[in-house]
Every structure is written in C-alpha cells, then in structure tokens.
N, C-alpha and C. Protein backbone atom coordinates (compact mmCIF):
# COMPACT_ATOMS: atom_id res chain seq x y z
N MET A 1 -19.22 -36.43 -8.89
CA MET A 1 -18.97 -35.62 -10.02
C MET A 1 -19.55 -34.34 -9.80
N PHE A 2 -20.72 -34.15 -9.31
CA PHE A 2 -21.30 -32.68 -8.96
C PHE A 2 -20.25 -31.87 -8.03
N LEU A 3 -19.80 -32.49 -7.04
CA LEU A 3 -18.78 -31.67 -6.08
C LEU A 3 -17.53 -31.46 -7.05
N LEU A 4 -17.07 -32.22 -7.92
CA LEU A 4 -15.90 -31.83 -8.68
C LEU A 4 -16.28 -30.62 -9.56
N GLY A 5 -17.33 -30.66 -10.06
CA GLY A 5 -17.80 -29.68 -11.11
C GLY A 5 -17.99 -28.36 -10.21
N ALA A 6 -18.48 -28.38 -9.11
CA ALA A 6 -18.67 -27.18 -8.29
C ALA A 6 -17.43 -26.61 -7.60
N GLY A 7 -16.52 -27.52 -7.43
CA GLY A 7 -15.14 -26.99 -7.09
C GLY A 7 -14.45 -26.34 -8.25
N ALA A 8 -14.65 -26.94 -9.27
CA ALA A 8 -13.89 -26.25 -10.53
C ALA A 8 -14.49 -24.90 -10.67
N VAL A 9 -15.82 -24.60 -10.58
CA VAL A 9 -16.46 -23.46 -10.78
C VAL A 9 -16.02 -22.48 -9.80
N ALA A 10 -15.98 -22.89 -8.68
CA ALA A 10 -15.54 -21.91 -7.43
C ALA A 10 -14.09 -21.47 -7.77
N ALA A 11 -13.19 -22.38 -8.17
CA ALA A 11 -11.87 -22.09 -8.31
C ALA A 11 -11.68 -20.95 -9.62
N VAL A 12 -12.43 -21.34 -10.57
CA VAL A 12 -12.46 -20.30 -11.76
C VAL A 12 -12.96 -18.92 -11.25
N ALA A 13 -14.11 -18.98 -10.49
CA ALA A 13 -14.70 -17.73 -9.93
C ALA A 13 -13.73 -17.05 -9.18
N ALA A 14 -13.01 -17.57 -8.30
CA ALA A 14 -12.03 -16.99 -7.36
C ALA A 14 -11.04 -16.32 -8.19
N LEU A 15 -10.42 -17.04 -9.26
CA LEU A 15 -9.37 -16.31 -10.20
C LEU A 15 -9.96 -15.20 -10.83
N VAL A 16 -11.13 -15.27 -11.28
CA VAL A 16 -11.70 -13.91 -12.02
C VAL A 16 -11.86 -12.91 -11.08
N ILE A 17 -12.35 -13.16 -9.81
CA ILE A 17 -12.47 -12.01 -8.91
C ILE A 17 -11.17 -11.60 -8.44
N ARG A 18 -10.24 -12.26 -8.35
CA ARG A 18 -8.83 -11.88 -7.97
C ARG A 18 -8.19 -11.07 -9.19
N SER A 19 -8.45 -11.34 -10.42
CA SER A 19 -7.98 -10.62 -11.52
C SER A 19 -8.68 -9.44 -11.54
N GLN A 20 -9.97 -9.23 -11.35
CA GLN A 20 -10.70 -7.85 -11.25
C GLN A 20 -10.13 -7.13 -10.33
N VAL A 21 -9.97 -7.68 -9.02
CA VAL A 21 -9.53 -6.74 -8.04
C VAL A 21 -8.16 -6.13 -8.36
N GLU A 22 -7.27 -6.84 -8.91
CA GLU A 22 -6.01 -6.45 -9.27
C GLU A 22 -6.03 -5.39 -10.34
N SER A 23 -6.90 -5.73 -11.38
CA SER A 23 -7.08 -4.65 -12.49
C SER A 23 -7.71 -3.55 -11.86
N ASN A 24 -8.56 -3.42 -10.98
CA ASN A 24 -9.05 -2.23 -10.51
C ASN A 24 -8.18 -1.45 -9.71
N ARG A 25 -7.35 -2.05 -8.93
CA ARG A 25 -6.15 -1.52 -8.25
C ARG A 25 -5.25 -0.72 -9.14
N ARG A 26 -5.03 -1.40 -10.31
CA ARG A 26 -4.14 -0.69 -11.32
C ARG A 26 -4.70 0.55 -11.84
N GLU A 27 -6.02 0.50 -12.04
CA GLU A 27 -6.75 1.58 -12.69
C GLU A 27 -6.89 2.77 -11.56
N LEU A 28 -6.65 2.36 -10.43
CA LEU A 28 -6.57 3.57 -9.47
C LEU A 28 -5.50 4.62 -9.62
N PHE A 29 -4.54 4.28 -10.36
CA PHE A 29 -3.54 5.23 -10.74
C PHE A 29 -3.57 5.61 -12.26
N SER A 30 -4.73 5.22 -12.76
CA SER A 30 -4.79 5.59 -14.31
C SER A 30 -4.75 7.15 -14.53
N ALA A 31 -4.36 7.49 -15.78
CA ALA A 31 -4.44 9.03 -16.25
C ALA A 31 -5.86 9.38 -16.32
N ASN A 32 -6.78 8.62 -16.56
CA ASN A 32 -8.17 8.90 -16.65
C ASN A 32 -8.88 9.00 -15.44
N ALA A 33 -9.45 10.16 -15.05
CA ALA A 33 -10.05 10.35 -13.68
C ALA A 33 -11.25 9.58 -13.51
N PHE A 34 -12.18 9.25 -14.65
CA PHE A 34 -13.31 8.39 -14.53
C PHE A 34 -12.91 7.16 -14.14
N ARG A 35 -11.75 6.50 -14.61
CA ARG A 35 -11.16 5.27 -14.22
C ARG A 35 -10.89 5.04 -12.72
N ARG A 36 -10.21 6.21 -12.33
CA ARG A 36 -9.86 6.41 -10.84
C ARG A 36 -11.23 6.28 -10.20
N LEU A 37 -12.12 7.10 -10.40
CA LEU A 37 -13.27 7.16 -9.65
C LEU A 37 -14.03 5.81 -9.65
N ALA A 38 -13.98 5.03 -10.82
CA ALA A 38 -14.67 3.69 -10.87
C ALA A 38 -13.66 2.70 -9.85
N ALA A 39 -12.41 2.87 -10.08
CA ALA A 39 -11.70 2.03 -9.08
C ALA A 39 -11.97 2.31 -7.62
N LEU A 40 -12.03 3.48 -7.32
CA LEU A 40 -12.48 3.96 -5.95
C LEU A 40 -13.80 3.33 -5.43
N GLY A 41 -14.74 3.33 -6.46
CA GLY A 41 -15.96 2.78 -6.13
C GLY A 41 -15.85 1.26 -5.76
N HIS A 42 -15.04 0.60 -6.58
CA HIS A 42 -14.95 -0.81 -6.46
C HIS A 42 -14.31 -0.99 -5.12
N MET A 43 -13.14 -0.23 -4.71
CA MET A 43 -12.54 -0.42 -3.50
C MET A 43 -13.49 -0.18 -2.29
N ALA A 44 -14.30 0.71 -2.52
CA ALA A 44 -15.33 0.95 -1.45
C ALA A 44 -16.12 -0.08 -1.02
N GLY A 45 -16.37 -1.02 -2.00
CA GLY A 45 -17.06 -2.27 -1.73
C GLY A 45 -16.21 -3.37 -1.02
N GLU A 46 -14.93 -3.19 -1.11
CA GLU A 46 -14.19 -4.30 -0.67
C GLU A 46 -14.04 -4.25 0.88
N PRO A 47 -13.85 -5.55 1.52
CA PRO A 47 -13.54 -5.50 2.93
C PRO A 47 -12.18 -4.86 3.17
N ALA A 48 -12.05 -4.38 4.41
CA ALA A 48 -10.81 -3.66 4.81
C ALA A 48 -9.73 -4.75 4.85
N SER A 49 -8.52 -4.37 4.42
CA SER A 49 -7.48 -5.19 4.57
C SER A 49 -6.23 -4.20 4.59
N VAL A 50 -5.08 -4.73 5.03
CA VAL A 50 -3.83 -3.91 5.22
C VAL A 50 -3.44 -3.47 3.92
N GLY A 51 -3.61 -4.35 2.88
CA GLY A 51 -3.12 -4.06 1.45
C GLY A 51 -3.95 -2.89 0.93
N ALA A 52 -5.14 -2.90 1.08
CA ALA A 52 -5.97 -2.09 0.66
C ALA A 52 -5.90 -0.51 1.25
N VAL A 53 -5.72 -0.64 2.52
CA VAL A 53 -5.36 0.58 3.29
C VAL A 53 -3.91 1.26 2.72
N SER A 54 -3.01 0.35 2.54
CA SER A 54 -1.69 0.88 1.94
C SER A 54 -1.95 1.51 0.64
N VAL A 55 -2.65 0.85 -0.23
CA VAL A 55 -2.85 1.33 -1.68
C VAL A 55 -3.62 2.83 -1.54
N LEU A 56 -4.70 2.74 -0.72
CA LEU A 56 -5.39 3.94 -0.69
C LEU A 56 -4.62 5.17 -0.09
N ARG A 57 -3.74 4.86 0.97
CA ARG A 57 -2.78 5.88 1.47
C ARG A 57 -1.88 6.56 0.40
N ASP A 58 -1.40 5.53 -0.51
CA ASP A 58 -0.52 6.13 -1.69
C ASP A 58 -1.34 6.83 -2.47
N PHE A 59 -2.60 6.39 -2.90
CA PHE A 59 -3.58 7.14 -3.77
C PHE A 59 -3.84 8.48 -3.26
N HIS A 60 -4.10 8.53 -1.98
CA HIS A 60 -4.54 9.90 -1.43
C HIS A 60 -3.41 10.83 -1.48
N ALA A 61 -2.18 10.24 -1.28
CA ALA A 61 -0.99 11.22 -1.35
C ALA A 61 -0.64 11.57 -2.87
N TRP A 62 -0.99 10.82 -3.83
CA TRP A 62 -0.77 11.03 -5.17
C TRP A 62 -1.75 11.93 -5.95
N GLU A 63 -3.09 11.57 -5.41
CA GLU A 63 -4.29 12.11 -6.30
C GLU A 63 -4.14 13.75 -6.45
N PRO A 64 -4.23 14.17 -7.71
CA PRO A 64 -4.24 15.76 -7.73
C PRO A 64 -5.67 16.31 -7.57
N LYS A 65 -6.56 15.42 -7.86
CA LYS A 65 -8.06 16.14 -7.76
C LYS A 65 -8.66 15.83 -6.42
N ARG A 66 -9.14 17.08 -5.93
CA ARG A 66 -9.62 17.13 -4.46
C ARG A 66 -10.79 16.22 -4.25
N LEU A 67 -11.73 16.18 -5.32
CA LEU A 67 -12.97 15.32 -4.95
C LEU A 67 -12.49 13.78 -4.93
N LEU A 68 -11.51 13.39 -5.74
CA LEU A 68 -11.04 11.96 -5.61
C LEU A 68 -10.32 11.61 -4.35
N ARG A 69 -9.53 12.74 -4.01
CA ARG A 69 -8.82 12.60 -2.73
C ARG A 69 -9.73 12.47 -1.54
N ASN A 70 -10.79 13.15 -1.39
CA ASN A 70 -11.71 13.30 -0.42
C ASN A 70 -12.43 11.87 -0.42
N ARG A 71 -12.96 11.42 -1.51
CA ARG A 71 -13.40 10.06 -1.58
C ARG A 71 -12.50 9.04 -1.01
N ALA A 72 -11.28 9.02 -1.43
CA ALA A 72 -10.32 8.13 -1.02
C ALA A 72 -10.18 8.16 0.54
N ALA A 73 -10.17 9.52 0.99
CA ALA A 73 -10.10 9.65 2.41
C ALA A 73 -11.12 9.11 3.11
N SER A 74 -12.42 9.14 2.67
CA SER A 74 -13.47 8.52 3.42
C SER A 74 -13.64 6.98 3.50
N ILE A 75 -13.13 6.51 2.27
CA ILE A 75 -12.94 5.10 2.11
C ILE A 75 -11.75 4.50 3.21
N LEU A 76 -10.84 5.27 3.01
CA LEU A 76 -9.53 4.94 3.96
C LEU A 76 -10.10 4.97 5.57
N ALA A 77 -10.70 5.89 5.94
CA ALA A 77 -11.26 6.15 7.23
C ALA A 77 -12.07 5.09 7.57
N ARG A 78 -12.98 4.51 6.76
CA ARG A 78 -13.82 3.37 7.13
C ARG A 78 -13.11 2.12 7.24
N MET A 79 -11.99 1.97 6.28
CA MET A 79 -11.24 0.71 6.35
C MET A 79 -10.21 0.72 7.55
N GLU A 80 -9.82 1.75 7.96
CA GLU A 80 -8.84 1.98 9.17
C GLU A 80 -9.75 1.59 10.35
N ASP A 81 -11.03 2.06 10.52
CA ASP A 81 -11.80 1.94 11.52
C ASP A 81 -12.17 0.39 11.65
N GLU A 82 -12.53 -0.26 10.49
CA GLU A 82 -12.83 -1.60 10.45
C GLU A 82 -11.79 -2.47 10.91
N LEU A 83 -10.46 -2.04 10.47
CA LEU A 83 -9.41 -2.87 10.89
C LEU A 83 -9.10 -2.71 12.21
N GLY A 84 -9.37 -1.62 12.90
CA GLY A 84 -9.05 -1.18 14.35
C GLY A 84 -10.02 -2.09 15.11
N ARG A 85 -11.24 -2.19 14.69
CA ARG A 85 -12.18 -2.89 15.57
C ARG A 85 -11.84 -4.55 15.36
N LYS A 86 -11.42 -4.95 14.28
CA LYS A 86 -10.69 -6.31 14.14
C LYS A 86 -9.76 -6.58 15.13
N VAL A 87 -8.90 -5.71 15.23
CA VAL A 87 -7.62 -5.82 16.22
C VAL A 87 -8.22 -5.91 17.71
N GLU A 88 -9.02 -4.93 18.01
CA GLU A 88 -9.62 -4.98 19.34
C GLU A 88 -10.49 -6.06 19.70
N ALA A 89 -11.16 -6.70 18.61
CA ALA A 89 -12.06 -7.95 18.80
C ALA A 89 -10.99 -9.15 19.16
N ASP A 90 -9.94 -9.08 18.56
CA ASP A 90 -8.80 -10.33 18.70
C ASP A 90 -8.21 -10.12 20.07
C-alpha cells in the first residue's frame, strides 16, 4: 500500500514539474521583461538538453534587450559545454 501511494505521489510530482517547465519556457517569449528574466533564471537551473539549447538559441536571436540576451548567451554557453562533455564521455 505504501509503495502504491509513493508511486502515485511521484507521478503527480513529475506531472507538476513538467507543467512548470513548459510554462516557464512559454514565459521566455513573454511581452513582460521580468517574466522573461524569471524564465531565464529557471532555465539556468535546468540540466542541459538539446531542447533547452534550441529554445535558448531562438530566444537569443529574438530578444531585444541586451541584458537578457547576454544572460541567455551565458546559459547557452554552459549548456553547450555540458552537452559537449556528455558526448565526449560517451
């Protein structure tokens, strides 16, 4: 019974986390600069993935504010380095 409950809680938590990640990615292209900054902060804490790199490249090309473009560039560089190290390790 305990394992069934723990599995259900883990499944719900995974769905909530996935929803939050998708929501923050949508906010990355918000008209509000503070929401874009918050979304970048969230993405900075995510592990590197091909999808995240792709979204950050699109954001970097689209973003009109230099400060946010520079923040995206630094996150993008970290993620690209992390992915490069993963490929070399394999």
